[in-house]
């Protein structure tokens, strides 16, 4: 619900648009609202963030959520979906991890929901494949498999692998101090 100045603005705009149309399309409202109340500098910063967004250690679902949130703020993704749907797919693919990108990009998908579905399928398949190649058994609730997730096997955190784990390095240092 809009309040204060935004409420007054909406009432004026609503009456103006009602004279032109019988219904006010959601996309038209968003375009007008963002133009009036969303600071230009913030919009540019969010668009830059969208252009530079990478999946890295995120699951496809998390990457998709972040991508969609940034798209809603982008001028490129305002208006008619047909005008920007191919751009949206190319931009989304560009940020995917290389293994997923290599599987979905050759398909040249232009339907965003289909691209997301195939990206998720590829992610699940590569995780299962990584577990089989590493000789892991079945997943147990107590110790989930971390293969293919981009996280450390030692501590479960992203950004490093087990041999470089800061927790392990601290533990090794403590053990060597206790032996001397």
Foldseek 3Di string as FASTA:
>chain_A
DDDDPVVVVCVVVVVVVVVVDVDDDPLNVLVVCCVVPPDPVVLVVLVVCLQPAACQLPQLVVSVVSNVVSLSSHPLNGDDCVNCQLVSLVSSLVRYDPQLSVVQVVVSDSHVVVSSVSSNVSQVVVQVVQCVVVPHDDADPVQGDCGSNQAENPPRHHDDYPVPDPVVVVVVVVVVVVVD
